[in-house]
């Protein structure tokens, strides 16, 4: 079984800039029913796969996904190596035993990369 979150997007250029250029996702495929219609595309990085949709009703802006990773510091270092004008993430230790790096995309969707704090 594989779960693929769907995030709503409103600006194709901003989506490509955020997910492709900054986060380093690969655009796997794109679909439009015809030119000048809403875009639906799949992006991926490592084992994380997301669908991004301009279609009304496909997803609510402000969706949230938690992504468990093995090396959160490496993820942060990778993002810091490609500065993004609109966002400077950091890592926060949570009292419930996770270290988290929260990212908010240009459309209000949140990706939380997290790793378990060793006891």
C-alpha atoms as a PDB file:
ATOM      1  CA  UNK A   1       0.000   0.000   0.000  1.00  0.00           C
ATOM      2  CA  UNK A   2       1.226   3.495  -0.802  1.00  0.00           C
ATOM      3  CA  UNK A   3      -0.357   6.760   0.275  1.00  0.00           C
ATOM      4  CA  UNK A   4       0.063   9.827  -1.954  1.00  0.00           C
ATOM      5  CA  UNK A   5      -1.098  13.157  -0.489  1.00  0.00           C
ATOM      6  CA  UNK A   6      -2.747  15.651  -2.847  1.00  0.00           C
ATOM      7  CA  UNK A   7      -2.008  19.334  -2.278  1.00  0.00           C
ATOM      8  CA  UNK A   8      -3.914  22.198  -3.884  1.00  0.00           C
ATOM      9  CA  UNK A   9      -1.824  24.715  -5.821  1.00  0.00           C
ATOM     10  CA  UNK A  10      -2.804  27.996  -7.427  1.00  0.00           C
ATOM     11  CA  UNK A  11       0.278  29.053  -9.387  1.00  0.00           C
ATOM     12  CA  UNK A  12       2.232  26.656 -11.568  1.00  0.00           C
ATOM     13  CA  UNK A  13       5.366  28.846 -11.570  1.00  0.00           C
ATOM     14  CA  UNK A  14       5.413  29.094  -7.756  1.00  0.00           C
ATOM     15  CA  UNK A  15       4.864  25.329  -7.428  1.00  0.00           C
ATOM     16  CA  UNK A  16       7.813  24.592  -9.729  1.00  0.00           C
ATOM     17  CA  UNK A  17       9.996  27.092  -7.878  1.00  0.00           C
ATOM     18  CA  UNK A  18       9.144  25.738  -4.412  1.00  0.00           C
ATOM     19  CA  UNK A  19       8.944  21.990  -5.037  1.00  0.00           C
ATOM     20  CA  UNK A  20      11.387  21.660  -7.932  1.00  0.00           C
ATOM     21  CA  UNK A  21      14.049  24.318  -7.531  1.00  0.00           C
ATOM     22  CA  UNK A  22      14.142  24.669  -3.741  1.00  0.00           C
ATOM     23  CA  UNK A  23      13.019  21.327  -2.305  1.00  0.00           C
ATOM     24  CA  UNK A  24      14.725  19.379  -5.079  1.00  0.00           C
ATOM     25  CA  UNK A  25      11.704  17.297  -6.092  1.00  0.00           C
ATOM     26  CA  UNK A  26      11.565  15.756  -9.547  1.00  0.00           C
ATOM     27  CA  UNK A  27       8.498  16.462 -11.656  1.00  0.00           C
ATOM     28  CA  UNK A  28       7.518  12.925 -12.648  1.00  0.00           C
ATOM     29  CA  UNK A  29       4.590  13.746 -14.916  1.00  0.00           C
ATOM     30  CA  UNK A  30       2.029  16.432 -15.708  1.00  0.00           C
ATOM     31  CA  UNK A  31      -1.533  16.278 -17.014  1.00  0.00           C
ATOM     32  CA  UNK A  32      -3.945  18.792 -18.511  1.00  0.00           C
ATOM     33  CA  UNK A  33      -7.145  17.877 -20.299  1.00  0.00           C
ATOM     34  CA  UNK A  34      -6.289  20.519 -22.916  1.00  0.00           C
ATOM     35  CA  UNK A  35      -4.179  23.697 -23.135  1.00  0.00           C
ATOM     36  CA  UNK A  36      -5.083  26.440 -20.659  1.00  0.00           C
ATOM     37  CA  UNK A  37      -6.865  24.053 -18.286  1.00  0.00           C
ATOM     38  CA  UNK A  38      -5.819  23.275 -14.695  1.00  0.00           C
ATOM     39  CA  UNK A  39      -2.584  21.368 -14.162  1.00  0.00           C
ATOM     40  CA  UNK A  40      -2.297  18.128 -12.191  1.00  0.00           C
ATOM     41  CA  UNK A  41       1.217  16.807 -11.613  1.00  0.00           C
ATOM     42  CA  UNK A  42       3.240  14.372  -9.584  1.00  0.00           C
ATOM     43  CA  UNK A  43       6.465  15.350  -7.818  1.00  0.00           C
ATOM     44  CA  UNK A  44       8.791  13.096  -5.865  1.00  0.00           C
ATOM     45  CA  UNK A  45      11.987  13.038  -3.858  1.00  0.00           C
ATOM     46  CA  UNK A  46      13.376   9.813  -2.455  1.00  0.00           C
ATOM     47  CA  UNK A  47      10.329   7.872  -1.212  1.00  0.00           C
ATOM     48  CA  UNK A  48       8.047  10.918  -0.846  1.00  0.00           C
ATOM     49  CA  UNK A  49       5.506  11.334  -3.632  1.00  0.00           C
ATOM     50  CA  UNK A  50       3.031  14.232  -3.795  1.00  0.00           C
ATOM     51  CA  UNK A  51       0.315  15.171  -6.261  1.00  0.00           C
ATOM     52  CA  UNK A  52      -0.197  18.883  -6.877  1.00  0.00           C
ATOM     53  CA  UNK A  53      -3.494  20.001  -8.364  1.00  0.00           C
ATOM     54  CA  UNK A  54      -4.945  23.240  -9.702  1.00  0.00           C
ATOM     55  CA  UNK A  55      -8.364  21.565  -9.974  1.00  0.00           C
ATOM     56  CA  UNK A  56     -11.088  23.023  -7.775  1.00  0.00           C
ATOM     57  CA  UNK A  57     -12.213  20.477  -5.186  1.00  0.00           C
ATOM     58  CA  UNK A  58      -9.223  18.150  -5.414  1.00  0.00           C
ATOM     59  CA  UNK A  59      -7.761  19.253  -2.093  1.00  0.00           C
ATOM     60  CA  UNK A  60      -8.172  21.976   0.502  1.00  0.00           C
ATOM     61  CA  UNK A  61      -5.510  24.652   0.824  1.00  0.00           C
ATOM     62  CA  UNK A  62      -3.815  24.254   4.180  1.00  0.00           C
ATOM     63  CA  UNK A  63      -3.375  20.487   4.020  1.00  0.00           C
ATOM     64  CA  UNK A  64      -0.672  18.949   6.193  1.00  0.00           C
ATOM     65  CA  UNK A  65       1.605  15.922   5.810  1.00  0.00           C
ATOM     66  CA  UNK A  66       4.099  14.455   8.288  1.00  0.00           C
ATOM     67  CA  UNK A  67       7.180  12.859   6.701  1.00  0.00           C
ATOM     68  CA  UNK A  68       9.408  10.769   8.966  1.00  0.00           C
ATOM     69  CA  UNK A  69      13.090  10.884   7.948  1.00  0.00           C
ATOM     70  CA  UNK A  70      16.316   9.360   9.233  1.00  0.00           C
ATOM     71  CA  UNK A  71      18.583  12.431   9.089  1.00  0.00           C
ATOM     72  CA  UNK A  72      16.760  15.712   9.607  1.00  0.00           C
ATOM     73  CA  UNK A  73      20.005  17.699   9.883  1.00  0.00           C
ATOM     74  CA  UNK A  74      20.999  16.543   6.375  1.00  0.00           C
ATOM     75  CA  UNK A  75      17.591  17.668   5.014  1.00  0.00           C
ATOM     76  CA  UNK A  76      18.047  21.094   6.563  1.00  0.00           C
ATOM     77  CA  UNK A  77      21.622  21.399   5.257  1.00  0.00           C
ATOM     78  CA  UNK A  78      20.416  20.533   1.756  1.00  0.00           C
ATOM     79  CA  UNK A  79      17.785  23.282   1.864  1.00  0.00           C
ATOM     80  CA  UNK A  80      20.260  25.788   3.279  1.00  0.00           C
ATOM     81  CA  UNK A  81      22.593  25.044   0.343  1.00  0.00           C
ATOM     82  CA  UNK A  82      19.867  26.403  -1.993  1.00  0.00           C
ATOM     83  CA  UNK A  83      18.582  29.544  -0.247  1.00  0.00           C
ATOM     84  CA  UNK A  84      14.930  30.307  -0.893  1.00  0.00           C
ATOM     85  CA  UNK A  85      13.918  33.937  -0.852  1.00  0.00           C
ATOM     86  CA  UNK A  86      10.648  33.320   0.998  1.00  0.00           C
ATOM     87  CA  UNK A  87      11.568  30.778   3.666  1.00  0.00           C
ATOM     88  CA  UNK A  88      14.327  30.002   6.168  1.00  0.00           C
ATOM     89  CA  UNK A  89      13.429  26.768   7.987  1.00  0.00           C
ATOM     90  CA  UNK A  90      14.873  25.555  11.247  1.00  0.00           C
ATOM     91  CA  UNK A  91      14.586  22.501  13.475  1.00  0.00           C
ATOM     92  CA  UNK A  92      12.542  22.454  16.654  1.00  0.00           C
ATOM     93  CA  UNK A  93      12.558  19.762  19.345  1.00  0.00           C
ATOM     94  CA  UNK A  94       9.056  18.852  20.455  1.00  0.00           C
ATOM     95  CA  UNK A  95       8.126  17.556  23.901  1.00  0.00           C
ATOM     96  CA  UNK A  96       6.415  14.549  22.304  1.00  0.00           C
ATOM     97  CA  UNK A  97       9.772  13.122  21.196  1.00  0.00           C
ATOM     98  CA  UNK A  98      10.252  14.484  17.678  1.00  0.00           C
ATOM     99  CA  UNK A  99      12.621  16.937  16.053  1.00  0.00           C
ATOM    100  CA  UNK A 100      10.649  18.783  13.377  1.00  0.00           C
ATOM    101  CA  UNK A 101      11.307  21.043  10.410  1.00  0.00           C
ATOM    102  CA  UNK A 102       8.076  22.649   9.222  1.00  0.00           C
ATOM    103  CA  UNK A 103       7.763  23.946   5.680  1.00  0.00           C
ATOM    104  CA  UNK A 104       4.825  25.962   4.386  1.00  0.00           C
ATOM    105  CA  UNK A 105       4.387  25.993   0.626  1.00  0.00           C
ATOM    106  CA  UNK A 106       3.189  29.108  -1.262  1.00  0.00           C
ATOM    107  CA  UNK A 107      -0.401  27.796  -1.127  1.00  0.00           C
ATOM    108  CA  UNK A 108      -0.669  27.236   2.633  1.00  0.00           C
ATOM    109  CA  UNK A 109       0.095  23.496   2.629  1.00  0.00           C
ATOM    110  CA  UNK A 110       2.438  22.233   5.323  1.00  0.00           C
ATOM    111  CA  UNK A 111       5.109  19.548   5.074  1.00  0.00           C
ATOM    112  CA  UNK A 112       6.606  18.560   8.421  1.00  0.00           C
ATOM    113  CA  UNK A 113       9.846  16.592   8.155  1.00  0.00           C
ATOM    114  CA  UNK A 114      10.514  14.871  11.468  1.00  0.00           C
ATOM    115  CA  UNK A 115      12.776  12.362  13.171  1.00  0.00           C
ATOM    116  CA  UNK A 116      12.444  10.620  16.498  1.00  0.00           C
ATOM    117  CA  UNK A 117      14.629  11.921  19.309  1.00  0.00           C
ATOM    118  CA  UNK A 118      16.825   9.126  20.614  1.00  0.00           C
ATOM    119  CA  UNK A 119      15.967   8.248  24.239  1.00  0.00           C
END
